[in-house]
Amino acid sequence: MRKAIETLKNIWKIEDLRQRILITILFVAIYRFGSYVVLPGINPSMLTQLHQQTSEGLLALLNMFSGGAFSNASIFALGIVAFAFAAAGGVLVAKIMNFFLKDKINPLIGAAGVSAVPMAARVAQKMGQEANPKNFLLMHAMGPNVSGVIGTAVAAGTFITLNAVFASMGITFGPGV
């Protein structure tokens, strides 16, 4: 235990690590605050009913990863969880593709497929150059990035259609379209 405390003290002495830890704590605090901000137009009784119906399965998993923000229908749950799953999914798909491809691709390209167009590609570029200064991933990252935007549009259309289907069954999640 004493060695672990000494290690933490040594980590705190390094300016770069201290700054990264503080920024991470700040982001977690902002996310936790945002997880209590409920989406406007949500019917509280329907939210309670949805929470009871989704106490198991995939939605419970999403709720767990969002720290309970998904069941509260908070603003941050929809954005951050989607971004995290898209980035992780992109990396995993790129790694799976490498099993079947003769010419391997960098898994960071898969992470760039999320729909935050310039940012995800720049993150992939920066991480790639940290690993190898000769890496130039930016132009290769923009292709899956644009396809991520198209995928987001398809997903949004699907959710709008599902909202209409649920509304025809008498289930509403807020003001109708």
N, C-alpha and C. Protein backbone atom coordinates (compact mmCIF):
# COMPACT_ATOMS: atom_id res chain seq x y z
N MET A 1 0.83 -1.20 0.00
CA MET A 1 0.00 0.00 0.00
C MET A 1 0.86 1.25 0.00
N ARG A 2 1.95 1.17 0.76
CA ARG A 2 2.85 2.33 0.86
C ARG A 2 3.49 2.62 -0.50
N LYS A 3 3.84 1.56 -1.23
CA LYS A 3 4.45 1.74 -2.55
C LYS A 3 3.47 2.38 -3.53
N ALA A 4 2.18 2.00 -3.44
CA ALA A 4 1.16 2.59 -4.31
C ALA A 4 1.01 4.08 -4.03
N ILE A 5 1.04 4.46 -2.77
CA ILE A 5 0.93 5.88 -2.41
C ILE A 5 2.14 6.65 -2.91
N GLU A 6 3.32 6.06 -2.80
CA GLU A 6 4.54 6.71 -3.30
C GLU A 6 4.47 6.88 -4.83
N THR A 7 3.94 5.88 -5.51
CA THR A 7 3.79 5.96 -6.97
C THR A 7 2.85 7.10 -7.34
N LEU A 8 1.74 7.22 -6.62
CA LEU A 8 0.80 8.31 -6.89
C LEU A 8 1.43 9.67 -6.62
N LYS A 9 2.24 9.77 -5.59
CA LYS A 9 2.93 11.03 -5.31
C LYS A 9 3.91 11.37 -6.43
N ASN A 10 4.62 10.37 -6.91
CA ASN A 10 5.55 10.61 -8.02
C ASN A 10 4.84 11.02 -9.29
N ILE A 11 3.67 10.39 -9.55
CA ILE A 11 2.89 10.77 -10.73
C ILE A 11 2.45 12.22 -10.62
N TRP A 12 2.05 12.62 -9.44
CA TRP A 12 1.55 13.99 -9.24
C TRP A 12 2.66 15.03 -9.43
N LYS A 13 3.92 14.63 -9.24
CA LYS A 13 5.05 15.57 -9.39
C LYS A 13 5.32 15.90 -10.85
N ILE A 14 4.90 15.03 -11.77
CA ILE A 14 5.14 15.25 -13.19
C ILE A 14 4.05 16.17 -13.72
N GLU A 15 4.45 17.33 -14.23
CA GLU A 15 3.52 18.38 -14.65
C GLU A 15 2.53 17.89 -15.71
N ASP A 16 3.03 17.20 -16.73
CA ASP A 16 2.15 16.74 -17.82
C ASP A 16 1.09 15.76 -17.31
N LEU A 17 1.50 14.80 -16.48
CA LEU A 17 0.54 13.83 -15.95
C LEU A 17 -0.46 14.50 -15.02
N ARG A 18 0.02 15.43 -14.19
CA ARG A 18 -0.88 16.14 -13.29
C ARG A 18 -1.94 16.90 -14.07
N GLN A 19 -1.50 17.57 -15.15
CA GLN A 19 -2.44 18.33 -15.97
C GLN A 19 -3.45 17.40 -16.64
N ARG A 20 -3.01 16.26 -17.14
CA ARG A 20 -3.94 15.31 -17.78
C ARG A 20 -4.94 14.75 -16.78
N ILE A 21 -4.48 14.47 -15.56
CA ILE A 21 -5.38 13.94 -14.54
C ILE A 21 -6.42 14.99 -14.17
N LEU A 22 -6.00 16.23 -14.00
CA LEU A 22 -6.94 17.29 -13.64
C LEU A 22 -7.95 17.54 -14.75
N ILE A 23 -7.52 17.52 -16.00
CA ILE A 23 -8.44 17.71 -17.12
C ILE A 23 -9.44 16.55 -17.19
N THR A 24 -8.96 15.34 -16.96
CA THR A 24 -9.86 14.18 -16.96
C THR A 24 -10.90 14.31 -15.85
N ILE A 25 -10.47 14.71 -14.66
CA ILE A 25 -11.41 14.90 -13.55
C ILE A 25 -12.41 15.99 -13.90
N LEU A 26 -11.96 17.07 -14.54
CA LEU A 26 -12.87 18.15 -14.94
C LEU A 26 -13.90 17.64 -15.93
N PHE A 27 -13.47 16.86 -16.94
CA PHE A 27 -14.41 16.33 -17.93
C PHE A 27 -15.42 15.39 -17.29
N VAL A 28 -14.96 14.55 -16.37
CA VAL A 28 -15.89 13.64 -15.69
C VAL A 28 -16.90 14.43 -14.87
N ALA A 29 -16.44 15.49 -14.19
CA ALA A 29 -17.36 16.32 -13.40
C ALA A 29 -18.39 17.01 -14.30
N ILE A 30 -17.94 17.52 -15.44
CA ILE A 30 -18.87 18.17 -16.38
C ILE A 30 -19.88 17.14 -16.90
N TYR A 31 -19.42 15.95 -17.22
CA TYR A 31 -20.32 14.91 -17.71
C TYR A 31 -21.33 14.52 -16.64
N ARG A 32 -20.86 14.36 -15.40
CA ARG A 32 -21.78 13.98 -14.33
C ARG A 32 -22.83 15.07 -14.11
N PHE A 33 -22.43 16.33 -14.19
CA PHE A 33 -23.40 17.41 -14.08
C PHE A 33 -24.40 17.36 -15.24
N GLY A 34 -23.88 17.18 -16.44
CA GLY A 34 -24.75 17.13 -17.63
C GLY A 34 -25.67 15.94 -17.65
N SER A 35 -25.31 14.88 -16.92
CA SER A 35 -26.19 13.70 -16.91
C SER A 35 -27.46 13.94 -16.12
N TYR A 36 -27.53 15.04 -15.38
CA TYR A 36 -28.75 15.38 -14.65
C TYR A 36 -29.62 16.37 -15.41
N VAL A 37 -29.13 16.88 -16.54
CA VAL A 37 -29.91 17.82 -17.36
C VAL A 37 -30.78 17.00 -18.29
N VAL A 38 -32.07 16.99 -18.04
CA VAL A 38 -32.99 16.15 -18.81
C VAL A 38 -33.33 16.86 -20.13
N LEU A 39 -33.50 16.08 -21.16
CA LEU A 39 -33.89 16.62 -22.46
C LEU A 39 -35.22 17.36 -22.35
N PRO A 40 -35.35 18.49 -23.00
CA PRO A 40 -36.63 19.20 -22.93
C PRO A 40 -37.71 18.45 -23.69
N GLY A 41 -38.94 18.54 -23.19
CA GLY A 41 -40.08 17.92 -23.87
C GLY A 41 -40.29 16.47 -23.51
N ILE A 42 -39.57 15.96 -22.53
CA ILE A 42 -39.72 14.56 -22.14
C ILE A 42 -40.87 14.44 -21.14
N ASN A 43 -41.76 13.50 -21.38
CA ASN A 43 -42.88 13.23 -20.48
C ASN A 43 -42.35 12.38 -19.32
N PRO A 44 -42.37 12.90 -18.06
CA PRO A 44 -41.78 12.15 -16.93
C PRO A 44 -42.43 10.79 -16.69
N SER A 45 -43.75 10.68 -16.87
CA SER A 45 -44.39 9.38 -16.64
C SER A 45 -43.96 8.36 -17.70
N MET A 46 -43.80 8.81 -18.93
CA MET A 46 -43.34 7.90 -19.98
C MET A 46 -41.88 7.51 -19.76
N LEU A 47 -41.08 8.46 -19.22
CA LEU A 47 -39.69 8.16 -18.91
C LEU A 47 -39.60 7.10 -17.83
N THR A 48 -40.46 7.19 -16.83
CA THR A 48 -40.49 6.17 -15.77
C THR A 48 -40.90 4.82 -16.34
N GLN A 49 -41.88 4.82 -17.23
CA GLN A 49 -42.32 3.58 -17.86
C GLN A 49 -41.20 2.98 -18.72
N LEU A 50 -40.51 3.83 -19.46
CA LEU A 50 -39.39 3.36 -20.28
C LEU A 50 -38.29 2.78 -19.40
N HIS A 51 -38.01 3.43 -18.28
CA HIS A 51 -36.97 2.95 -17.38
C HIS A 51 -37.32 1.57 -16.83
N GLN A 52 -38.59 1.33 -16.53
CA GLN A 52 -39.02 0.03 -16.02
C GLN A 52 -38.92 -1.04 -17.10
N GLN A 53 -39.21 -0.67 -18.34
CA GLN A 53 -39.17 -1.64 -19.44
C GLN A 53 -37.74 -1.98 -19.85
N THR A 54 -36.80 -1.08 -19.61
CA THR A 54 -35.43 -1.27 -20.09
C THR A 54 -34.47 -1.59 -18.95
N SER A 55 -34.96 -2.21 -17.88
CA SER A 55 -34.07 -2.51 -16.77
C SER A 55 -33.15 -3.69 -17.07
N GLU A 56 -33.35 -4.36 -18.21
CA GLU A 56 -32.50 -5.46 -18.64
C GLU A 56 -32.19 -5.30 -20.12
N GLY A 57 -31.16 -5.97 -20.56
CA GLY A 57 -30.85 -5.98 -21.99
C GLY A 57 -29.89 -4.89 -22.42
N LEU A 58 -29.95 -4.56 -23.71
CA LEU A 58 -29.01 -3.63 -24.31
C LEU A 58 -29.15 -2.22 -23.74
N LEU A 59 -30.38 -1.78 -23.52
CA LEU A 59 -30.56 -0.44 -22.98
C LEU A 59 -30.03 -0.34 -21.56
N ALA A 60 -30.09 -1.40 -20.79
CA ALA A 60 -29.50 -1.41 -19.46
C ALA A 60 -27.98 -1.29 -19.56
N LEU A 61 -27.40 -1.92 -20.58
CA LEU A 61 -25.96 -1.81 -20.80
C LEU A 61 -25.58 -0.38 -21.16
N LEU A 62 -26.35 0.25 -22.03
CA LEU A 62 -26.10 1.65 -22.36
C LEU A 62 -26.23 2.54 -21.13
N ASN A 63 -27.22 2.25 -20.30
CA ASN A 63 -27.42 3.02 -19.09
C ASN A 63 -26.23 2.86 -18.14
N MET A 64 -25.69 1.65 -18.08
CA MET A 64 -24.54 1.41 -17.22
C MET A 64 -23.33 2.19 -17.72
N PHE A 65 -23.08 2.17 -19.03
CA PHE A 65 -21.93 2.88 -19.57
C PHE A 65 -22.08 4.39 -19.44
N SER A 66 -23.29 4.88 -19.39
CA SER A 66 -23.49 6.33 -19.29
C SER A 66 -23.61 6.79 -17.84
N GLY A 67 -23.43 5.88 -16.89
CA GLY A 67 -23.51 6.27 -15.49
C GLY A 67 -24.92 6.62 -15.06
N GLY A 68 -25.93 6.01 -15.65
CA GLY A 68 -27.31 6.28 -15.30
C GLY A 68 -27.92 7.42 -16.09
N ALA A 69 -27.15 8.07 -16.93
CA ALA A 69 -27.65 9.22 -17.68
C ALA A 69 -28.63 8.81 -18.77
N PHE A 70 -28.51 7.61 -19.27
CA PHE A 70 -29.41 7.17 -20.34
C PHE A 70 -30.84 7.04 -19.84
N SER A 71 -31.00 6.47 -18.63
CA SER A 71 -32.35 6.31 -18.09
C SER A 71 -32.96 7.64 -17.69
N ASN A 72 -32.13 8.65 -17.44
CA ASN A 72 -32.64 9.99 -17.14
C ASN A 72 -32.96 10.78 -18.40
N ALA A 73 -32.64 10.22 -19.57
CA ALA A 73 -32.80 10.90 -20.86
C ALA A 73 -32.07 12.24 -20.83
N SER A 74 -30.84 12.21 -20.36
CA SER A 74 -30.07 13.45 -20.27
C SER A 74 -29.44 13.79 -21.62
N ILE A 75 -29.07 15.03 -21.75
CA ILE A 75 -28.48 15.51 -23.00
C ILE A 75 -27.15 14.82 -23.27
N PHE A 76 -26.32 14.68 -22.26
CA PHE A 76 -24.98 14.11 -22.46
C PHE A 76 -25.03 12.62 -22.77
N ALA A 77 -26.03 11.93 -22.29
CA ALA A 77 -26.10 10.48 -22.53
C ALA A 77 -26.19 10.20 -24.01
N LEU A 78 -26.95 11.01 -24.72
CA LEU A 78 -27.14 10.75 -26.14
C LEU A 78 -25.87 11.04 -26.94
N GLY A 79 -25.14 12.08 -26.59
CA GLY A 79 -23.96 12.46 -27.36
C GLY A 79 -22.72 11.67 -27.03
N ILE A 80 -22.38 11.59 -25.75
CA ILE A 80 -21.11 10.98 -25.37
C ILE A 80 -21.13 9.47 -25.57
N VAL A 81 -22.22 8.83 -25.22
CA VAL A 81 -22.29 7.38 -25.39
C VAL A 81 -22.19 7.02 -26.86
N ALA A 82 -22.88 7.76 -27.70
CA ALA A 82 -22.82 7.49 -29.14
C ALA A 82 -21.41 7.68 -29.68
N PHE A 83 -20.74 8.74 -29.25
CA PHE A 83 -19.38 9.01 -29.70
C PHE A 83 -18.43 7.90 -29.25
N ALA A 84 -18.55 7.48 -28.00
CA ALA A 84 -17.66 6.44 -27.47
C ALA A 84 -17.88 5.10 -28.17
N PHE A 85 -19.15 4.72 -28.35
CA PHE A 85 -19.42 3.45 -29.02
C PHE A 85 -18.99 3.48 -30.48
N ALA A 86 -19.16 4.62 -31.14
CA ALA A 86 -18.76 4.71 -32.55
C ALA A 86 -17.24 4.60 -32.69
N ALA A 87 -16.51 5.30 -31.83
CA ALA A 87 -15.05 5.25 -31.91
C ALA A 87 -14.53 3.85 -31.59
N ALA A 88 -15.03 3.26 -30.51
CA ALA A 88 -14.58 1.92 -30.13
C ALA A 88 -14.99 0.89 -31.19
N GLY A 89 -16.19 1.02 -31.72
CA GLY A 89 -16.65 0.11 -32.76
C GLY A 89 -15.81 0.22 -34.01
N GLY A 90 -15.45 1.45 -34.37
CA GLY A 90 -14.61 1.65 -35.55
C GLY A 90 -13.25 0.99 -35.41
N VAL A 91 -12.64 1.12 -34.23
CA VAL A 91 -11.35 0.48 -33.99
C VAL A 91 -11.48 -1.04 -34.04
N LEU A 92 -12.53 -1.57 -33.42
CA LEU A 92 -12.72 -3.03 -33.42
C LEU A 92 -12.96 -3.58 -34.82
N VAL A 93 -13.76 -2.88 -35.61
CA VAL A 93 -14.02 -3.34 -36.97
C VAL A 93 -12.73 -3.30 -37.80
N ALA A 94 -11.92 -2.26 -37.61
CA ALA A 94 -10.65 -2.18 -38.35
C ALA A 94 -9.72 -3.32 -37.94
N LYS A 95 -9.71 -3.66 -36.66
CA LYS A 95 -8.87 -4.78 -36.21
C LYS A 95 -9.37 -6.11 -36.77
N ILE A 96 -10.69 -6.28 -36.83
CA ILE A 96 -11.26 -7.51 -37.41
C ILE A 96 -10.93 -7.58 -38.90
N MET A 97 -11.02 -6.44 -39.59
CA MET A 97 -10.70 -6.42 -41.02
C MET A 97 -9.26 -6.81 -41.27
N ASN A 98 -8.36 -6.46 -40.35
CA ASN A 98 -6.94 -6.79 -40.52
C ASN A 98 -6.68 -8.29 -40.53
N PHE A 99 -7.59 -9.08 -39.95
CA PHE A 99 -7.43 -10.54 -40.01
C PHE A 99 -7.61 -11.05 -41.43
N PHE A 100 -8.39 -10.35 -42.25
CA PHE A 100 -8.74 -10.82 -43.57
C PHE A 100 -8.01 -10.09 -44.70
N LEU A 101 -7.38 -8.98 -44.39
CA LEU A 101 -6.72 -8.18 -45.42
C LEU A 101 -5.25 -8.54 -45.56
N LYS A 102 -4.77 -8.51 -46.78
CA LYS A 102 -3.35 -8.74 -47.02
C LYS A 102 -2.55 -7.51 -46.60
N ASP A 103 -3.00 -6.34 -47.03
CA ASP A 103 -2.37 -5.08 -46.61
C ASP A 103 -3.14 -4.56 -45.41
N LYS A 104 -2.50 -4.53 -44.26
CA LYS A 104 -3.15 -4.13 -43.01
C LYS A 104 -3.45 -2.63 -43.02
N ILE A 105 -4.53 -2.26 -42.32
CA ILE A 105 -4.88 -0.85 -42.19
C ILE A 105 -4.71 -0.44 -40.73
N ASN A 106 -4.48 0.82 -40.51
CA ASN A 106 -4.32 1.35 -39.16
C ASN A 106 -5.69 1.41 -38.49
N PRO A 107 -5.86 0.83 -37.29
CA PRO A 107 -7.16 0.85 -36.62
C PRO A 107 -7.65 2.27 -36.28
N LEU A 108 -6.75 3.23 -36.24
CA LEU A 108 -7.17 4.60 -35.99
C LEU A 108 -8.09 5.12 -37.09
N ILE A 109 -7.97 4.57 -38.28
CA ILE A 109 -8.85 4.97 -39.37
C ILE A 109 -10.30 4.64 -39.00
N GLY A 110 -10.50 3.50 -38.33
CA GLY A 110 -11.84 3.13 -37.89
C GLY A 110 -12.39 4.10 -36.85
N ALA A 111 -11.52 4.60 -35.98
CA ALA A 111 -11.97 5.56 -34.97
C ALA A 111 -12.36 6.88 -35.61
N ALA A 112 -11.82 7.17 -36.78
CA ALA A 112 -12.14 8.43 -37.45
C ALA A 112 -13.50 8.39 -38.11
N GLY A 113 -14.16 7.25 -38.11
CA GLY A 113 -15.45 7.13 -38.77
C GLY A 113 -16.60 7.73 -37.98
N VAL A 114 -16.34 8.25 -36.80
CA VAL A 114 -17.42 8.88 -36.04
C VAL A 114 -17.76 10.21 -36.68
N SER A 115 -18.92 10.74 -36.36
CA SER A 115 -19.42 11.84 -37.15
C SER A 115 -19.03 13.23 -36.68
N ALA A 116 -17.99 13.37 -35.90
CA ALA A 116 -17.50 14.70 -35.55
C ALA A 116 -16.41 15.02 -36.57
N VAL A 117 -16.80 15.35 -37.76
CA VAL A 117 -15.97 15.30 -38.97
C VAL A 117 -14.52 15.74 -38.79
N PRO A 118 -14.20 17.01 -38.56
CA PRO A 118 -12.77 17.33 -38.55
C PRO A 118 -12.06 16.83 -37.30
N MET A 119 -12.74 16.81 -36.16
CA MET A 119 -12.07 16.48 -34.92
C MET A 119 -11.59 15.03 -34.90
N ALA A 120 -12.42 14.08 -35.26
CA ALA A 120 -12.03 12.68 -35.20
C ALA A 120 -10.85 12.40 -36.13
N ALA A 121 -10.85 12.98 -37.30
CA ALA A 121 -9.74 12.78 -38.22
C ALA A 121 -8.45 13.39 -37.67
N ARG A 122 -8.55 14.56 -37.04
CA ARG A 122 -7.35 15.18 -36.46
C ARG A 122 -6.82 14.36 -35.29
N VAL A 123 -7.73 13.80 -34.48
CA VAL A 123 -7.29 12.96 -33.37
C VAL A 123 -6.55 11.73 -33.91
N ALA A 124 -7.09 11.10 -34.95
CA ALA A 124 -6.44 9.94 -35.56
C ALA A 124 -5.06 10.33 -36.10
N GLN A 125 -4.97 11.49 -36.73
CA GLN A 125 -3.69 11.97 -37.27
C GLN A 125 -2.68 12.19 -36.15
N LYS A 126 -3.11 12.85 -35.08
CA LYS A 126 -2.19 13.17 -33.99
C LYS A 126 -1.70 11.91 -33.29
N MET A 127 -2.62 10.98 -33.01
CA MET A 127 -2.22 9.74 -32.35
C MET A 127 -1.30 8.91 -33.23
N GLY A 128 -1.58 8.89 -34.52
CA GLY A 128 -0.72 8.15 -35.44
C GLY A 128 0.68 8.73 -35.52
N GLN A 129 0.78 10.05 -35.51
CA GLN A 129 2.11 10.67 -35.58
C GLN A 129 2.87 10.56 -34.26
N GLU A 130 2.15 10.44 -33.14
CA GLU A 130 2.84 10.21 -31.88
C GLU A 130 3.49 8.84 -31.89
N ALA A 131 2.82 7.85 -32.50
CA ALA A 131 3.38 6.51 -32.58
C ALA A 131 4.51 6.42 -33.60
N ASN A 132 4.35 7.12 -34.71
CA ASN A 132 5.37 7.12 -35.76
C ASN A 132 5.29 8.45 -36.49
N PRO A 133 6.31 9.29 -36.39
CA PRO A 133 6.25 10.62 -37.02
C PRO A 133 6.06 10.59 -38.53
N LYS A 134 6.26 9.44 -39.17
CA LYS A 134 6.08 9.35 -40.62
C LYS A 134 4.64 9.02 -41.01
N ASN A 135 3.78 8.80 -40.03
CA ASN A 135 2.36 8.50 -40.32
C ASN A 135 1.65 9.76 -40.79
N PHE A 136 0.92 9.65 -41.89
CA PHE A 136 0.07 10.74 -42.38
C PHE A 136 -1.31 10.14 -42.63
N LEU A 137 -2.16 10.21 -41.62
CA LEU A 137 -3.45 9.55 -41.65
C LEU A 137 -4.61 10.47 -41.99
N LEU A 138 -4.36 11.78 -42.01
CA LEU A 138 -5.47 12.72 -42.09
C LEU A 138 -6.34 12.49 -43.33
N MET A 139 -5.73 12.38 -44.49
CA MET A 139 -6.52 12.21 -45.71
C MET A 139 -7.21 10.84 -45.73
N HIS A 140 -6.56 9.82 -45.20
CA HIS A 140 -7.17 8.49 -45.14
C HIS A 140 -8.30 8.46 -44.11
N ALA A 141 -8.18 9.29 -43.08
CA ALA A 141 -9.20 9.31 -42.03
C ALA A 141 -10.47 10.03 -42.47
N MET A 142 -10.37 10.92 -43.42
CA MET A 142 -11.55 11.68 -43.83
C MET A 142 -12.57 10.82 -44.58
N GLY A 143 -12.13 9.76 -45.27
CA GLY A 143 -13.07 8.89 -45.98
C GLY A 143 -14.04 8.21 -45.03
N PRO A 144 -13.53 7.46 -44.04
CA PRO A 144 -14.46 6.85 -43.09
C PRO A 144 -15.20 7.90 -42.26
N ASN A 145 -14.59 9.07 -42.12
CA ASN A 145 -15.24 10.12 -41.35
C ASN A 145 -16.50 10.59 -42.06
N VAL A 146 -16.42 10.81 -43.36
CA VAL A 146 -17.58 11.23 -44.13
C VAL A 146 -18.63 10.11 -44.16
N SER A 147 -18.16 8.86 -44.24
CA SER A 147 -19.13 7.76 -44.19
C SER A 147 -19.80 7.69 -42.82
N GLY A 148 -19.10 8.12 -41.77
CA GLY A 148 -19.72 8.21 -40.44
C GLY A 148 -20.84 9.23 -40.41
N VAL A 149 -20.64 10.34 -41.13
CA VAL A 149 -21.69 11.36 -41.21
C VAL A 149 -22.91 10.79 -41.94
N ILE A 150 -22.67 10.07 -43.02
CA ILE A 150 -23.78 9.46 -43.77
C ILE A 150 -24.50 8.43 -42.89
N GLY A 151 -23.73 7.63 -42.16
CA GLY A 151 -24.33 6.66 -41.24
C GLY A 151 -25.16 7.32 -40.16
N THR A 152 -24.71 8.48 -39.68
CA THR A 152 -25.46 9.22 -38.67
C THR A 152 -26.79 9.70 -39.24
N ALA A 153 -26.77 10.15 -40.48
CA ALA A 153 -28.01 10.59 -41.12
C ALA A 153 -28.99 9.43 -41.27
N VAL A 154 -28.48 8.25 -41.64
CA VAL A 154 -29.33 7.07 -41.77
C VAL A 154 -29.90 6.69 -40.40
N ALA A 155 -29.06 6.73 -39.37
CA ALA A 155 -29.53 6.40 -38.01
C ALA A 155 -30.59 7.39 -37.55
N ALA A 156 -30.39 8.68 -37.84
CA ALA A 156 -31.37 9.69 -37.45
C ALA A 156 -32.71 9.44 -38.14
N GLY A 157 -32.66 9.10 -39.42
CA GLY A 157 -33.89 8.78 -40.14
C GLY A 157 -34.59 7.57 -39.56
N THR A 158 -33.80 6.57 -39.15
CA THR A 158 -34.36 5.38 -38.53
C THR A 158 -35.06 5.73 -37.22
N PHE A 159 -34.40 6.56 -36.40
CA PHE A 159 -35.00 6.94 -35.12
C PHE A 159 -36.26 7.77 -35.32
N ILE A 160 -36.26 8.63 -36.31
CA ILE A 160 -37.47 9.42 -36.58
C ILE A 160 -38.61 8.50 -37.00
N THR A 161 -38.30 7.50 -37.83
CA THR A 161 -39.31 6.53 -38.26
C THR A 161 -39.81 5.72 -37.07
N LEU A 162 -38.89 5.27 -36.21
CA LEU A 162 -39.30 4.51 -35.03
C LEU A 162 -40.16 5.36 -34.10
N ASN A 163 -39.84 6.64 -34.00
CA ASN A 163 -40.65 7.54 -33.18
C ASN A 163 -42.09 7.58 -33.72
N ALA A 164 -42.23 7.65 -35.03
CA ALA A 164 -43.57 7.66 -35.63
C ALA A 164 -44.28 6.34 -35.39
N VAL A 165 -43.55 5.22 -35.46
CA VAL A 165 -44.16 3.90 -35.23
C VAL A 165 -44.63 3.80 -33.77
N PHE A 166 -43.77 4.23 -32.85
CA PHE A 166 -44.16 4.19 -31.44
C PHE A 166 -45.34 5.12 -31.17
N ALA A 167 -45.34 6.29 -31.82
CA ALA A 167 -46.45 7.22 -31.62
C ALA A 167 -47.76 6.62 -32.12
N SER A 168 -47.72 5.85 -33.21
CA SER A 168 -48.95 5.21 -33.71
C SER A 168 -49.45 4.14 -32.74
N MET A 169 -48.56 3.62 -31.89
CA MET A 169 -48.95 2.63 -30.88
C MET A 169 -49.33 3.31 -29.56
N GLY A 170 -49.25 4.64 -29.52
CA GLY A 170 -49.61 5.37 -28.31
C GLY A 170 -48.47 5.61 -27.36
N ILE A 171 -47.24 5.28 -27.77
CA ILE A 171 -46.06 5.50 -26.93
C ILE A 171 -45.37 6.76 -27.44
N THR A 172 -45.24 7.77 -26.59
CA THR A 172 -44.58 9.01 -27.01
C THR A 172 -43.39 9.28 -26.11
N PHE A 173 -42.39 9.91 -26.66
CA PHE A 173 -41.18 10.26 -25.93
C PHE A 173 -41.01 11.77 -25.89
N GLY A 174 -42.05 12.51 -26.01
CA GLY A 174 -41.97 13.96 -26.02
C GLY A 174 -42.89 14.49 -27.09
N PRO A 175 -42.70 15.74 -27.47
CA PRO A 175 -43.57 16.32 -28.49
C PRO A 175 -43.41 15.57 -29.81
N GLY A 176 -44.52 15.32 -30.48
CA GLY A 176 -44.50 14.60 -31.75
C GLY A 176 -43.91 15.43 -32.88
N VAL A 177 -43.53 14.75 -33.94
CA VAL A 177 -42.94 15.43 -35.10
C VAL A 177 -44.04 15.83 -36.05
